[in-house]
Amino acid sequence: MQKRRRLGRGVAIVGAGMSKFGMFKDRDSKDLFAEAFKEMLSSVDKGVDPKDIDALYLGNFSNDFFVHQAHWGPIISDVIGLYPKPATRTEGACASSALAFREGVFAIASGFYDMVLVGGVEEMSKRTTEEVAEGLALAQRPTKAG
């Protein structure tokens, strides 16, 4: 019999935002996340003060490879004005943002934080098909040749 786990306290999603999808020559990951953050702020019925956000959980698998930039949690935190609050990047290929969501739920359910921001962003549209295939292949399990 599998052990049934319970959250320490309730967790709720209070707002949501999303950037436009498409290929934007003049915009990058930072711009897209900032757009989604702004939309999220406006979606909350009774408003939310960004100062009340305790931490950021960011799902991002591939920007190291495609954008040649690492350290995305703190970078995004700075862009949207949350710095110097904690920022954690989760990486799990196509489930990177789902892992960020999971960690955010755990952080609140445990009582460690009261409000967190969870989101994700990927930027591949400025790369060739071959580059995207190579980048996505980084999620596979390495095997020995021969």
Protein backbone atom coordinates (compact mmCIF):
# COMPACT_ATOMS: atom_id res chain seq x y z
CA MET A 1 0.00 0.00 0.00
CA GLN A 2 1.35 3.40 -0.97
CA LYS A 3 1.71 5.95 1.81
CA ARG A 4 -0.72 8.85 1.43
CA ARG A 5 1.05 12.20 1.74
CA ARG A 6 -0.66 15.36 2.91
CA LEU A 7 0.29 18.97 2.46
CA GLY A 8 1.05 20.91 5.63
CA ARG A 9 -1.32 23.71 4.61
CA GLY A 10 -3.45 24.64 1.63
CA VAL A 11 -1.98 26.15 -1.53
CA ALA A 12 -3.84 28.22 -4.12
CA ILE A 13 -3.06 29.75 -7.49
CA VAL A 14 -4.11 33.40 -7.27
CA GLY A 15 -3.11 34.70 -10.70
CA ALA A 16 -1.87 33.64 -14.11
CA GLY A 17 -0.22 35.28 -17.07
CA MET A 18 1.18 34.28 -20.42
CA SER A 19 3.17 36.04 -23.10
CA LYS A 20 2.19 35.97 -26.73
CA PHE A 21 3.51 32.99 -28.67
CA GLY A 22 5.44 33.62 -31.85
CA MET A 23 8.77 34.49 -33.36
CA PHE A 24 9.93 37.92 -32.22
CA LYS A 25 13.19 39.23 -33.63
CA ASP A 26 13.22 42.17 -31.23
CA ARG A 27 12.25 40.27 -28.02
CA ASP A 28 13.96 37.64 -25.91
CA SER A 29 13.25 35.36 -22.93
CA LYS A 30 13.51 38.21 -20.47
CA ASP A 31 10.95 40.29 -22.40
CA LEU A 32 8.55 37.35 -22.68
CA PHE A 33 8.73 36.53 -18.97
CA ALA A 34 8.24 40.19 -18.04
CA GLU A 35 5.14 40.31 -20.27
CA ALA A 36 3.67 37.22 -18.60
CA PHE A 37 4.50 38.61 -15.14
CA LYS A 38 2.71 41.87 -15.92
CA GLU A 39 -0.34 39.98 -17.17
CA MET A 40 -0.31 37.82 -14.03
CA LEU A 41 -0.30 40.90 -11.80
CA SER A 42 -3.33 42.30 -13.60
CA SER A 43 -5.19 38.97 -13.39
CA VAL A 44 -5.41 38.91 -9.59
CA ASP A 45 -8.91 39.99 -8.48
CA LYS A 46 -7.85 41.86 -5.35
CA GLY A 47 -4.39 42.73 -6.61
CA VAL A 48 -1.00 41.54 -5.50
CA ASP A 49 2.00 43.56 -4.42
CA PRO A 50 5.20 42.11 -5.94
CA LYS A 51 6.91 42.97 -2.64
CA ASP A 52 4.82 40.19 -1.05
CA ILE A 53 6.37 37.54 -3.31
CA ASP A 54 8.90 35.61 -1.24
CA ALA A 55 10.72 33.68 -3.98
CA LEU A 56 10.78 32.74 -7.67
CA TYR A 57 10.75 29.22 -9.10
CA LEU A 58 11.64 29.30 -12.80
CA GLY A 59 11.37 26.37 -15.18
CA ASN A 60 13.97 26.57 -17.95
CA PHE A 61 15.72 23.71 -19.69
CA SER A 62 17.59 25.08 -22.65
CA ASN A 63 18.62 28.72 -22.44
CA ASP A 64 22.20 27.77 -21.52
CA PHE A 65 22.47 26.11 -24.91
CA PHE A 66 20.25 28.28 -27.11
CA VAL A 67 20.98 31.71 -25.63
CA HIS A 68 24.46 30.95 -24.25
CA GLN A 69 23.48 32.35 -20.87
CA ALA A 70 23.08 30.51 -17.58
CA HIS A 71 21.90 31.71 -14.16
CA TRP A 72 18.34 32.33 -15.40
CA GLY A 73 16.59 32.38 -12.02
CA PRO A 74 18.42 35.46 -10.71
CA ILE A 75 18.43 37.11 -14.15
CA ILE A 76 14.63 36.87 -14.45
CA SER A 77 14.22 37.89 -10.81
CA ASP A 78 16.21 41.05 -11.51
CA VAL A 79 14.28 41.83 -14.72
CA ILE A 80 10.90 41.78 -12.94
CA GLY A 81 12.13 43.56 -9.82
CA LEU A 82 12.18 40.69 -7.31
CA TYR A 83 15.95 40.74 -6.72
CA PRO A 84 17.47 40.01 -4.16
CA LYS A 85 14.80 37.46 -3.21
CA PRO A 86 15.66 33.78 -3.74
CA ALA A 87 15.34 32.50 -7.30
CA THR A 88 15.56 28.81 -8.14
CA ARG A 89 15.75 27.40 -11.65
CA THR A 90 14.35 23.93 -12.22
CA GLU A 91 15.40 21.83 -15.16
CA GLY A 92 13.56 18.75 -16.34
CA ALA A 93 13.41 18.95 -20.15
CA CYS A 94 9.76 19.41 -21.15
CA ALA A 95 8.68 19.21 -17.50
CA SER A 96 10.91 22.07 -16.27
CA SER A 97 8.01 24.40 -15.45
CA ALA A 98 5.98 21.58 -13.92
CA LEU A 99 8.90 20.95 -11.57
CA ALA A 100 9.02 24.67 -10.74
CA PHE A 101 5.31 24.52 -9.91
CA ARG A 102 5.85 21.46 -7.71
CA GLU A 103 8.66 23.16 -5.80
CA GLY A 104 6.55 26.28 -5.35
CA VAL A 105 3.68 24.21 -3.94
CA PHE A 106 6.04 22.45 -1.54
CA ALA A 107 7.55 25.77 -0.40
CA ILE A 108 4.12 27.15 0.51
CA ALA A 109 2.64 23.92 1.87
CA SER A 110 5.61 23.54 4.20
CA GLY A 111 5.07 27.04 5.58
CA PHE A 112 8.51 28.19 4.46
CA TYR A 113 7.02 30.84 2.15
CA ASP A 114 3.60 32.47 1.96
CA MET A 115 3.66 33.57 -1.69
CA VAL A 116 5.90 32.48 -4.55
CA LEU A 117 6.04 33.22 -8.24
CA VAL A 118 6.25 30.22 -10.53
CA GLY A 119 6.86 30.44 -14.25
CA GLY A 120 8.82 29.17 -17.17
CA VAL A 121 10.36 30.39 -20.36
CA GLU A 122 12.29 28.91 -23.28
CA GLU A 123 13.79 30.65 -26.27
CA MET A 124 14.47 28.56 -29.37
CA SER A 125 12.96 30.52 -32.23
CA LYS A 126 16.18 32.29 -33.18
CA ARG A 127 17.97 28.98 -33.85
CA THR A 128 18.07 26.71 -36.88
CA THR A 129 16.21 23.41 -36.94
CA GLU A 130 19.53 21.60 -36.58
CA GLU A 131 20.50 23.67 -33.53
CA VAL A 132 17.11 23.10 -31.90
CA ALA A 133 17.34 19.34 -32.54
CA GLU A 134 20.82 19.27 -31.00
CA GLY A 135 19.69 21.30 -27.99
CA LEU A 136 16.64 19.14 -27.34
CA ALA A 137 18.77 16.02 -27.70
CA LEU A 138 20.68 17.16 -24.62
CA ALA A 139 17.76 15.75 -22.59
CA GLN A 140 18.45 12.19 -23.70
CA ARG A 141 20.35 9.72 -21.59
CA PRO A 142 23.98 9.52 -22.70
CA THR A 143 25.08 6.23 -24.16
CA LYS A 144 28.47 4.84 -25.02
CA ALA A 145 29.33 4.70 -28.70
CA GLY A 146 30.28 1.35 -30.20
